[in-house]
Amino acid sequence: MERSTHACACAGCSEQNEEQMLAQLDDILTDYVNKPGGLIPAMQTCQKMFGYLPKPVLKRISERFGKSYSEVAGVTSFYSFFSTVPRGKHMVRVCLGTACYVRGGKEVLRAIKKELAIDVGETTADRNFSLDVGRCFGACGLAPVIMVDDDVHQRVKPAKIGAILRLYADSEATPAEAELAK
């Protein structure tokens, strides 16, 4: 196995070489490998640890679970919450369901793409934001809607995108946490 250095995506971790990270991964996988239905929770835990699911991690998961690499990679590509590329600290999702689309969701998306200088599926260079779209967030009466992490922003106007994103760029806490701290 070739040695390379990766930055761990979890908070407070220093850089580790691939061998150290995979050893830590083995400890995590041990907790799930013999549990029925343990594959997806194991993958979720690994994604939290690394920030995404790189190929060496998927290979190690497939080895430990006794599954083919293509089967594990297939699970990764099937579920939208898994990513094989690094994601930003904050996930921005724009609803493009019918109500949001009709009420300006596409213009909101355009404004976010311009503000962040990225396209859907990409992450900003500083790894602060990733951008994705969804088809319905269940808030049609509040359209157009975006979600930043778990926070729902309703009746979003393109002119307000910069202010919304600054809430996340300027603070370690989410806006909901910052509001509670006041």
N, C-alpha and C. Protein backbone atom coordinates (compact mmCIF):
# COMPACT_ATOMS: atom_id res chain seq x y z
N MET A 1 0.86 -1.18 0.00
CA MET A 1 0.00 0.00 0.00
C MET A 1 0.89 1.23 0.00
N GLU A 2 0.63 2.16 -0.89
CA GLU A 2 1.45 3.36 -0.92
C GLU A 2 1.10 4.27 0.24
N ARG A 3 2.07 4.98 0.72
CA ARG A 3 1.86 5.87 1.85
C ARG A 3 1.59 7.27 1.33
N SER A 4 0.59 7.87 1.91
CA SER A 4 0.30 9.26 1.59
C SER A 4 -0.24 9.91 2.84
N THR A 5 -0.20 11.22 2.85
CA THR A 5 -0.70 11.95 4.00
C THR A 5 -2.01 12.61 3.63
N HIS A 6 -3.00 12.44 4.48
CA HIS A 6 -4.31 13.06 4.28
C HIS A 6 -4.64 13.86 5.51
N ALA A 7 -5.39 14.90 5.34
CA ALA A 7 -5.91 15.63 6.49
C ALA A 7 -7.22 14.99 6.90
N CYS A 8 -7.33 14.63 8.13
CA CYS A 8 -8.58 14.06 8.64
C CYS A 8 -9.64 15.15 8.65
N ALA A 9 -10.82 14.83 8.20
CA ALA A 9 -11.89 15.83 8.12
C ALA A 9 -12.53 16.12 9.46
N CYS A 10 -12.29 15.25 10.44
CA CYS A 10 -12.95 15.50 11.73
C CYS A 10 -12.23 16.59 12.50
N ALA A 11 -12.99 17.30 13.32
CA ALA A 11 -12.44 18.44 14.06
C ALA A 11 -11.38 17.98 15.04
N GLY A 12 -10.29 18.72 15.11
CA GLY A 12 -9.27 18.48 16.11
C GLY A 12 -8.25 17.42 15.74
N CYS A 13 -8.38 16.78 14.60
CA CYS A 13 -7.42 15.76 14.22
C CYS A 13 -6.25 16.38 13.48
N SER A 14 -5.07 15.88 13.78
CA SER A 14 -3.91 16.35 13.04
C SER A 14 -3.73 15.43 11.85
N GLU A 15 -2.81 15.79 10.97
CA GLU A 15 -2.60 14.97 9.79
C GLU A 15 -2.05 13.60 10.21
N GLN A 16 -2.54 12.59 9.54
CA GLN A 16 -2.10 11.22 9.80
C GLN A 16 -1.76 10.59 8.47
N ASN A 17 -0.88 9.60 8.50
CA ASN A 17 -0.64 8.90 7.24
C ASN A 17 -1.75 7.89 7.01
N GLU A 18 -1.81 7.42 5.80
CA GLU A 18 -2.91 6.52 5.40
C GLU A 18 -2.94 5.27 6.26
N GLU A 19 -1.79 4.75 6.61
CA GLU A 19 -1.71 3.53 7.41
C GLU A 19 -2.36 3.75 8.80
N GLN A 20 -2.07 4.88 9.43
CA GLN A 20 -2.65 5.19 10.73
C GLN A 20 -4.17 5.35 10.63
N MET A 21 -4.60 6.04 9.58
CA MET A 21 -6.03 6.26 9.42
C MET A 21 -6.77 4.95 9.16
N LEU A 22 -6.16 4.06 8.37
CA LEU A 22 -6.82 2.79 8.09
C LEU A 22 -6.84 1.90 9.34
N ALA A 23 -5.84 2.01 10.20
CA ALA A 23 -5.86 1.27 11.47
C ALA A 23 -7.01 1.77 12.33
N GLN A 24 -7.20 3.08 12.37
CA GLN A 24 -8.31 3.66 13.11
C GLN A 24 -9.64 3.21 12.49
N LEU A 25 -9.66 3.13 11.18
CA LEU A 25 -10.83 2.66 10.46
C LEU A 25 -11.16 1.22 10.85
N ASP A 26 -10.14 0.38 10.97
CA ASP A 26 -10.36 -1.01 11.37
C ASP A 26 -11.05 -1.10 12.72
N ASP A 27 -10.65 -0.24 13.66
CA ASP A 27 -11.29 -0.22 14.97
C ASP A 27 -12.78 0.10 14.85
N ILE A 28 -13.10 1.05 13.99
CA ILE A 28 -14.50 1.44 13.79
C ILE A 28 -15.29 0.30 13.14
N LEU A 29 -14.70 -0.31 12.13
CA LEU A 29 -15.41 -1.36 11.39
C LEU A 29 -15.68 -2.58 12.27
N THR A 30 -14.80 -2.85 13.23
CA THR A 30 -14.99 -3.97 14.13
C THR A 30 -16.33 -3.87 14.86
N ASP A 31 -16.75 -2.64 15.16
CA ASP A 31 -18.02 -2.43 15.86
C ASP A 31 -19.23 -2.79 15.00
N TYR A 32 -19.09 -2.79 13.69
CA TYR A 32 -20.24 -2.97 12.79
C TYR A 32 -20.23 -4.27 11.99
N VAL A 33 -19.07 -4.87 11.80
CA VAL A 33 -18.93 -5.94 10.82
C VAL A 33 -19.82 -7.16 11.10
N ASN A 34 -20.10 -7.47 12.35
CA ASN A 34 -20.92 -8.65 12.66
C ASN A 34 -22.37 -8.31 12.98
N LYS A 35 -22.74 -7.06 12.83
CA LYS A 35 -24.11 -6.65 13.10
C LYS A 35 -24.93 -6.75 11.82
N PRO A 36 -26.13 -7.31 11.90
CA PRO A 36 -27.00 -7.32 10.71
C PRO A 36 -27.27 -5.87 10.27
N GLY A 37 -27.13 -5.62 8.99
CA GLY A 37 -27.37 -4.27 8.47
C GLY A 37 -26.30 -3.28 8.86
N GLY A 38 -25.12 -3.76 9.25
CA GLY A 38 -24.05 -2.88 9.74
C GLY A 38 -23.31 -2.10 8.67
N LEU A 39 -23.47 -2.48 7.41
CA LEU A 39 -22.69 -1.82 6.35
C LEU A 39 -22.97 -0.32 6.26
N ILE A 40 -24.23 0.06 6.15
CA ILE A 40 -24.54 1.49 5.99
C ILE A 40 -24.16 2.30 7.22
N PRO A 41 -24.47 1.86 8.45
CA PRO A 41 -23.99 2.64 9.60
C PRO A 41 -22.46 2.75 9.65
N ALA A 42 -21.77 1.68 9.25
CA ALA A 42 -20.30 1.73 9.21
C ALA A 42 -19.83 2.77 8.21
N MET A 43 -20.47 2.79 7.04
CA MET A 43 -20.11 3.76 6.02
C MET A 43 -20.40 5.19 6.49
N GLN A 44 -21.52 5.37 7.19
CA GLN A 44 -21.85 6.70 7.72
C GLN A 44 -20.80 7.15 8.73
N THR A 45 -20.39 6.26 9.60
CA THR A 45 -19.37 6.60 10.60
C THR A 45 -18.04 6.93 9.93
N CYS A 46 -17.68 6.15 8.92
CA CYS A 46 -16.43 6.41 8.19
C CYS A 46 -16.49 7.75 7.47
N GLN A 47 -17.64 8.07 6.89
CA GLN A 47 -17.76 9.35 6.20
C GLN A 47 -17.64 10.51 7.19
N LYS A 48 -18.17 10.34 8.39
CA LYS A 48 -18.01 11.38 9.41
C LYS A 48 -16.54 11.55 9.77
N MET A 49 -15.84 10.45 9.84
CA MET A 49 -14.42 10.48 10.21
C MET A 49 -13.56 11.14 9.14
N PHE A 50 -13.76 10.76 7.88
CA PHE A 50 -12.92 11.24 6.79
C PHE A 50 -13.49 12.45 6.07
N GLY A 51 -14.78 12.70 6.25
CA GLY A 51 -15.43 13.79 5.54
C GLY A 51 -16.00 13.35 4.20
N TYR A 52 -15.62 12.18 3.75
CA TYR A 52 -16.09 11.58 2.52
C TYR A 52 -15.61 10.14 2.52
N LEU A 53 -15.89 9.38 1.48
CA LEU A 53 -15.47 7.99 1.41
C LEU A 53 -14.47 7.79 0.27
N PRO A 54 -13.18 8.00 0.55
CA PRO A 54 -12.17 7.81 -0.49
C PRO A 54 -12.01 6.33 -0.85
N LYS A 55 -11.43 6.05 -1.99
CA LYS A 55 -11.30 4.68 -2.50
C LYS A 55 -10.61 3.73 -1.51
N PRO A 56 -9.51 4.13 -0.85
CA PRO A 56 -8.89 3.19 0.11
C PRO A 56 -9.84 2.81 1.26
N VAL A 57 -10.69 3.73 1.66
CA VAL A 57 -11.65 3.44 2.73
C VAL A 57 -12.71 2.46 2.21
N LEU A 58 -13.21 2.69 1.02
CA LEU A 58 -14.20 1.77 0.44
C LEU A 58 -13.60 0.37 0.27
N LYS A 59 -12.33 0.31 -0.12
CA LYS A 59 -11.67 -0.99 -0.27
C LYS A 59 -11.57 -1.70 1.07
N ARG A 60 -11.19 -0.96 2.11
CA ARG A 60 -11.06 -1.56 3.44
C ARG A 60 -12.43 -2.01 3.95
N ILE A 61 -13.46 -1.22 3.71
CA ILE A 61 -14.81 -1.61 4.13
C ILE A 61 -15.21 -2.91 3.42
N SER A 62 -14.97 -2.98 2.12
CA SER A 62 -15.36 -4.18 1.38
C SER A 62 -14.59 -5.41 1.88
N GLU A 63 -13.31 -5.24 2.19
CA GLU A 63 -12.52 -6.36 2.72
C GLU A 63 -13.07 -6.83 4.06
N ARG A 64 -13.31 -5.90 4.96
CA ARG A 64 -13.75 -6.25 6.32
C ARG A 64 -15.15 -6.85 6.33
N PHE A 65 -16.03 -6.41 5.41
CA PHE A 65 -17.40 -6.94 5.37
C PHE A 65 -17.51 -8.17 4.46
N GLY A 66 -16.40 -8.54 3.80
CA GLY A 66 -16.43 -9.70 2.91
C GLY A 66 -17.30 -9.48 1.70
N LYS A 67 -17.35 -8.25 1.22
CA LYS A 67 -18.15 -7.90 0.04
C LYS A 67 -17.22 -7.42 -1.06
N SER A 68 -17.69 -7.48 -2.28
CA SER A 68 -16.87 -6.99 -3.38
C SER A 68 -16.80 -5.47 -3.32
N TYR A 69 -15.71 -4.94 -3.86
CA TYR A 69 -15.56 -3.49 -3.91
C TYR A 69 -16.72 -2.87 -4.68
N SER A 70 -17.12 -3.50 -5.78
CA SER A 70 -18.19 -2.93 -6.60
C SER A 70 -19.52 -2.88 -5.85
N GLU A 71 -19.76 -3.84 -4.95
CA GLU A 71 -20.99 -3.81 -4.17
C GLU A 71 -20.98 -2.63 -3.19
N VAL A 72 -19.86 -2.41 -2.51
CA VAL A 72 -19.75 -1.30 -1.56
C VAL A 72 -19.79 0.03 -2.31
N ALA A 73 -19.10 0.11 -3.43
CA ALA A 73 -19.12 1.34 -4.24
C ALA A 73 -20.53 1.59 -4.77
N GLY A 74 -21.27 0.53 -5.07
CA GLY A 74 -22.65 0.67 -5.52
C GLY A 74 -23.55 1.25 -4.45
N VAL A 75 -23.35 0.84 -3.21
CA VAL A 75 -24.11 1.40 -2.10
C VAL A 75 -23.80 2.89 -1.98
N THR A 76 -22.52 3.22 -2.13
CA THR A 76 -22.08 4.61 -2.04
C THR A 76 -22.75 5.47 -3.11
N SER A 77 -22.80 4.96 -4.32
CA SER A 77 -23.38 5.77 -5.40
C SER A 77 -24.91 5.79 -5.36
N PHE A 78 -25.53 4.77 -4.75
CA PHE A 78 -26.98 4.72 -4.69
C PHE A 78 -27.54 5.76 -3.73
N TYR A 79 -26.93 5.89 -2.57
CA TYR A 79 -27.44 6.80 -1.53
C TYR A 79 -26.79 8.17 -1.67
N SER A 80 -27.62 9.20 -1.81
CA SER A 80 -27.10 10.55 -2.07
C SER A 80 -26.35 11.13 -0.89
N PHE A 81 -26.53 10.60 0.32
CA PHE A 81 -25.83 11.17 1.46
C PHE A 81 -24.38 10.71 1.56
N PHE A 82 -23.98 9.74 0.72
CA PHE A 82 -22.58 9.33 0.67
C PHE A 82 -21.87 10.11 -0.43
N SER A 83 -20.60 10.40 -0.19
CA SER A 83 -19.82 11.13 -1.17
C SER A 83 -18.43 10.52 -1.29
N THR A 84 -17.94 10.43 -2.52
CA THR A 84 -16.58 9.93 -2.75
C THR A 84 -15.61 11.07 -3.02
N VAL A 85 -16.09 12.28 -2.89
CA VAL A 85 -15.23 13.46 -3.02
C VAL A 85 -15.38 14.29 -1.75
N PRO A 86 -14.34 15.01 -1.37
CA PRO A 86 -14.44 15.82 -0.15
C PRO A 86 -15.59 16.80 -0.21
N ARG A 87 -16.30 16.92 0.88
CA ARG A 87 -17.40 17.86 0.99
C ARG A 87 -16.97 19.00 1.90
N GLY A 88 -17.69 20.09 1.76
CA GLY A 88 -17.41 21.24 2.60
C GLY A 88 -17.96 21.08 4.00
N LYS A 89 -17.54 21.96 4.86
CA LYS A 89 -18.00 21.98 6.25
C LYS A 89 -19.52 22.15 6.29
N HIS A 90 -20.04 22.95 5.37
CA HIS A 90 -21.49 23.21 5.30
C HIS A 90 -22.04 22.74 3.97
N MET A 91 -23.13 21.97 4.04
CA MET A 91 -23.81 21.50 2.84
C MET A 91 -24.98 22.42 2.55
N VAL A 92 -24.96 23.04 1.37
CA VAL A 92 -26.05 23.92 0.94
C VAL A 92 -26.87 23.14 -0.08
N ARG A 93 -28.16 22.98 0.21
CA ARG A 93 -29.05 22.27 -0.70
C ARG A 93 -30.17 23.21 -1.12
N VAL A 94 -30.42 23.25 -2.41
CA VAL A 94 -31.47 24.10 -2.96
C VAL A 94 -32.59 23.19 -3.44
N CYS A 95 -33.80 23.48 -3.01
CA CYS A 95 -34.96 22.70 -3.45
C CYS A 95 -35.35 23.15 -4.85
N LEU A 96 -35.48 22.18 -5.73
CA LEU A 96 -35.96 22.46 -7.08
C LEU A 96 -37.22 21.63 -7.37
N GLY A 97 -37.95 21.29 -6.30
CA GLY A 97 -39.26 20.66 -6.48
C GLY A 97 -40.18 21.65 -7.17
N THR A 98 -41.34 21.20 -7.58
CA THR A 98 -42.24 22.03 -8.38
C THR A 98 -42.54 23.39 -7.75
N ALA A 99 -42.96 23.42 -6.50
CA ALA A 99 -43.31 24.70 -5.86
C ALA A 99 -42.11 25.63 -5.78
N CYS A 100 -40.97 25.10 -5.37
CA CYS A 100 -39.77 25.94 -5.25
C CYS A 100 -39.29 26.41 -6.63
N TYR A 101 -39.35 25.52 -7.59
CA TYR A 101 -38.92 25.88 -8.94
C TYR A 101 -39.77 27.02 -9.49
N VAL A 102 -41.10 26.88 -9.36
CA VAL A 102 -42.02 27.88 -9.88
C VAL A 102 -41.88 29.22 -9.16
N ARG A 103 -41.55 29.16 -7.88
CA ARG A 103 -41.44 30.38 -7.07
C ARG A 103 -40.02 30.95 -7.00
N GLY A 104 -39.14 30.51 -7.89
CA GLY A 104 -37.83 31.15 -7.99
C GLY A 104 -36.65 30.33 -7.54
N GLY A 105 -36.82 29.04 -7.34
CA GLY A 105 -35.72 28.19 -6.91
C GLY A 105 -34.53 28.19 -7.84
N LYS A 106 -34.80 28.25 -9.14
CA LYS A 106 -33.70 28.24 -10.11
C LYS A 106 -32.87 29.52 -10.00
N GLU A 107 -33.52 30.66 -9.75
CA GLU A 107 -32.80 31.93 -9.58
C GLU A 107 -31.99 31.91 -8.28
N VAL A 108 -32.55 31.30 -7.24
CA VAL A 108 -31.83 31.15 -5.97
C VAL A 108 -30.58 30.30 -6.20
N LEU A 109 -30.73 29.20 -6.91
CA LEU A 109 -29.58 28.35 -7.22
C LEU A 109 -28.53 29.12 -8.00
N ARG A 110 -28.95 29.88 -8.98
CA ARG A 110 -28.02 30.68 -9.79
C ARG A 110 -27.24 31.65 -8.89
N ALA A 111 -27.94 32.29 -7.95
CA ALA A 111 -27.30 33.25 -7.03
C ALA A 111 -26.28 32.55 -6.13
N ILE A 112 -26.62 31.36 -5.65
CA ILE A 112 -25.69 30.61 -4.79
C ILE A 112 -24.46 30.20 -5.58
N LYS A 113 -24.67 29.71 -6.80
CA LYS A 113 -23.54 29.31 -7.64
C LYS A 113 -22.61 30.49 -7.88
N LYS A 114 -23.19 31.66 -8.11
CA LYS A 114 -22.38 32.85 -8.34
C LYS A 114 -21.65 33.27 -7.07
N GLU A 115 -22.35 33.28 -5.95
CA GLU A 115 -21.77 33.70 -4.67
C GLU A 115 -20.61 32.79 -4.25
N LEU A 116 -20.78 31.49 -4.43
CA LEU A 116 -19.76 30.52 -4.01
C LEU A 116 -18.74 30.20 -5.10
N ALA A 117 -19.04 30.59 -6.32
CA ALA A 117 -18.18 30.32 -7.48
C ALA A 117 -17.96 28.81 -7.66
N ILE A 118 -19.03 28.03 -7.46
CA ILE A 118 -18.99 26.59 -7.70
C ILE A 118 -20.28 26.17 -8.38
N ASP A 119 -20.29 24.96 -8.88
CA ASP A 119 -21.49 24.40 -9.51
C ASP A 119 -22.05 23.31 -8.59
N VAL A 120 -23.21 22.82 -8.94
CA VAL A 120 -23.83 21.74 -8.18
C VAL A 120 -22.87 20.54 -8.16
N GLY A 121 -22.72 19.95 -6.97
CA GLY A 121 -21.83 18.81 -6.82
C GLY A 121 -20.40 19.19 -6.49
N GLU A 122 -20.11 20.48 -6.42
CA GLU A 122 -18.74 20.93 -6.15
C GLU A 122 -18.62 21.49 -4.73
N THR A 123 -17.37 21.69 -4.34
CA THR A 123 -17.03 22.22 -3.02
C THR A 123 -16.12 23.41 -3.21
N THR A 124 -16.30 24.44 -2.39
CA THR A 124 -15.44 25.62 -2.48
C THR A 124 -14.00 25.24 -2.15
N ALA A 125 -13.06 26.01 -2.67
CA ALA A 125 -11.63 25.72 -2.47
C ALA A 125 -11.25 25.68 -1.00
N ASP A 126 -11.92 26.48 -0.17
CA ASP A 126 -11.62 26.49 1.27
C ASP A 126 -12.33 25.37 2.03
N ARG A 127 -13.07 24.53 1.31
CA ARG A 127 -13.85 23.41 1.85
C ARG A 127 -14.85 23.86 2.91
N ASN A 128 -15.34 25.09 2.75
CA ASN A 128 -16.36 25.57 3.68
C ASN A 128 -17.77 25.19 3.22
N PHE A 129 -18.02 25.19 1.90
CA PHE A 129 -19.35 24.91 1.38
C PHE A 129 -19.32 23.90 0.25
N SER A 130 -20.34 23.04 0.23
CA SER A 130 -20.63 22.18 -0.92
C SER A 130 -22.04 22.50 -1.35
N LEU A 131 -22.33 22.31 -2.63
CA LEU A 131 -23.62 22.67 -3.19
C LEU A 131 -24.30 21.46 -3.81
N ASP A 132 -25.58 21.31 -3.49
CA ASP A 132 -26.36 20.21 -4.04
C ASP A 132 -27.79 20.70 -4.25
N VAL A 133 -28.59 19.93 -4.95
CA VAL A 133 -30.00 20.25 -5.15
C VAL A 133 -30.84 19.08 -4.66
N GLY A 134 -32.09 19.37 -4.35
CA GLY A 134 -33.04 18.34 -3.95
C GLY A 134 -34.34 18.58 -4.69
N ARG A 135 -35.22 17.61 -4.64
CA ARG A 135 -36.49 17.72 -5.37
C ARG A 135 -37.66 18.12 -4.49
N CYS A 136 -37.58 17.90 -3.19
CA CYS A 136 -38.65 18.37 -2.31
C CYS A 136 -38.17 18.24 -0.88
N PHE A 137 -38.29 19.32 -0.12
CA PHE A 137 -37.88 19.32 1.28
C PHE A 137 -39.10 19.31 2.20
N GLY A 138 -40.29 19.18 1.61
CA GLY A 138 -41.52 19.12 2.40
C GLY A 138 -41.94 20.45 2.98
N ALA A 139 -41.53 21.54 2.35
CA ALA A 139 -41.89 22.87 2.83
C ALA A 139 -42.42 23.71 1.66
N CYS A 140 -43.28 23.12 0.87
CA CYS A 140 -43.75 23.75 -0.37
C CYS A 140 -44.44 25.09 -0.14
N GLY A 141 -45.12 25.25 0.98
CA GLY A 141 -45.80 26.51 1.28
C GLY A 141 -44.84 27.63 1.62
N LEU A 142 -43.56 27.29 1.83
CA LEU A 142 -42.54 28.28 2.20
C LEU A 142 -41.57 28.52 1.05
N ALA A 143 -41.91 28.08 -0.13
CA ALA A 143 -41.01 28.13 -1.29
C ALA A 143 -40.65 29.56 -1.69
N PRO A 144 -39.45 29.71 -2.25
CA PRO A 144 -38.39 28.71 -2.41
C PRO A 144 -37.61 28.50 -1.12
N VAL A 145 -37.12 27.28 -0.98
CA VAL A 145 -36.46 26.85 0.25
C VAL A 145 -35.05 26.38 -0.05
N ILE A 146 -34.13 26.71 0.85
CA ILE A 146 -32.80 26.11 0.83
C ILE A 146 -32.52 25.55 2.22
N MET A 147 -31.64 24.58 2.27
CA MET A 147 -31.17 24.07 3.54
C MET A 147 -29.67 24.25 3.59
N VAL A 148 -29.18 24.74 4.71
CA VAL A 148 -27.75 24.78 4.95
C VAL A 148 -27.56 23.89 6.17
N ASP A 149 -26.89 22.78 5.96
CA ASP A 149 -26.79 21.72 6.96
C ASP A 149 -28.22 21.29 7.31
N ASP A 150 -28.64 21.44 8.55
CA ASP A 150 -30.00 21.05 8.94
C ASP A 150 -30.93 22.24 9.10
N ASP A 151 -30.45 23.44 8.77
CA ASP A 151 -31.24 24.65 8.92
C ASP A 151 -32.02 24.94 7.64
N VAL A 152 -33.32 25.12 7.78
CA VAL A 152 -34.18 25.43 6.63
C VAL A 152 -34.33 26.95 6.54
N HIS A 153 -34.10 27.48 5.35
CA HIS A 153 -34.31 28.91 5.08
C HIS A 153 -35.47 29.01 4.10
N GLN A 154 -36.49 29.76 4.47
CA GLN A 154 -37.72 29.81 3.69
C GLN A 154 -37.88 31.13 2.95
N ARG A 155 -38.69 31.07 1.89
CA ARG A 155 -38.98 32.25 1.07
C ARG A 155 -37.71 33.02 0.73
N VAL A 156 -36.71 32.28 0.27
CA VAL A 156 -35.39 32.84 0.00
C VAL A 156 -35.42 33.68 -1.27
N LYS A 157 -34.82 34.82 -1.20
CA LYS A 157 -34.66 35.71 -2.35
C LYS A 157 -33.20 35.68 -2.79
N PRO A 158 -32.93 35.69 -4.09
CA PRO A 158 -31.55 35.69 -4.56
C PRO A 158 -30.70 36.80 -3.93
N ALA A 159 -31.28 37.96 -3.68
CA ALA A 159 -30.54 39.08 -3.11
C ALA A 159 -30.09 38.81 -1.67
N LYS A 160 -30.68 37.84 -1.00
CA LYS A 160 -30.36 37.54 0.40
C LYS A 160 -29.35 36.40 0.56
N ILE A 161 -28.95 35.79 -0.54
CA ILE A 161 -28.05 34.64 -0.48
C ILE A 161 -26.74 34.97 0.22
N GLY A 162 -26.13 36.09 -0.11
CA GLY A 162 -24.86 36.47 0.51
C GLY A 162 -24.96 36.54 2.01
N ALA A 163 -26.02 37.17 2.51
CA ALA A 163 -26.23 37.30 3.96
C ALA A 163 -26.43 35.94 4.62
N ILE A 164 -27.19 35.07 3.97
CA ILE A 164 -27.42 33.73 4.53
C ILE A 164 -26.10 32.97 4.62
N LEU A 165 -25.33 32.97 3.56
CA LEU A 165 -24.08 32.21 3.55
C LEU A 165 -23.06 32.78 4.54
N ARG A 166 -23.07 34.10 4.73
CA ARG A 166 -22.14 34.70 5.70
C ARG A 166 -22.43 34.22 7.12
N LEU A 167 -23.68 33.88 7.41
CA LEU A 167 -24.01 33.33 8.73
C LEU A 167 -23.18 32.09 9.03
N TYR A 168 -22.89 31.33 8.00
CA TYR A 168 -22.16 30.07 8.16
C TYR A 168 -20.66 30.27 7.98
N ALA A 169 -20.27 31.20 7.14
CA ALA A 169 -18.85 31.42 6.88
C ALA A 169 -18.17 32.13 8.03
N ASP A 170 -18.89 32.97 8.76
CA ASP A 170 -18.29 33.81 9.79
C ASP A 170 -18.31 33.19 11.18
N SER A 171 -18.87 32.00 11.33
CA SER A 171 -19.04 31.46 12.66
C SER A 171 -18.76 29.98 12.68
N GLU A 172 -18.20 29.50 13.78
CA GLU A 172 -18.02 28.07 13.98
C GLU A 172 -19.34 27.42 14.32
N ALA A 173 -20.24 28.16 14.97
CA ALA A 173 -21.53 27.63 15.37
C ALA A 173 -22.52 27.79 14.23
N THR A 174 -23.51 26.90 14.20
CA THR A 174 -24.58 27.07 13.23
C THR A 174 -25.42 28.26 13.66
N PRO A 175 -26.19 28.87 12.75
CA PRO A 175 -27.04 29.98 13.14
C PRO A 175 -27.99 29.62 14.28
N ALA A 176 -28.50 28.38 14.29
CA ALA A 176 -29.40 27.97 15.38
C ALA A 176 -28.65 27.94 16.71
N GLU A 177 -27.42 27.45 16.72
CA GLU A 177 -26.60 27.42 17.94
C GLU A 177 -26.24 28.84 18.38
N ALA A 178 -25.92 29.69 17.41
CA ALA A 178 -25.58 31.08 17.74
C ALA A 178 -26.77 31.78 18.35
N GLU A 179 -27.97 31.49 17.86
CA GLU A 179 -29.19 32.11 18.39
C GLU A 179 -29.43 31.66 19.84
N LEU A 180 -29.19 30.39 20.12
CA LEU A 180 -29.37 29.87 21.48
C LEU A 180 -28.36 30.48 22.45
N ALA A 181 -27.17 30.81 21.96
CA ALA A 181 -26.12 31.34 22.82
C ALA A 181 -26.39 32.79 23.22
N LYS A 182 -27.30 33.47 22.51
CA LYS A 182 -27.58 34.89 22.80
C LYS A 182 -28.30 35.05 24.11
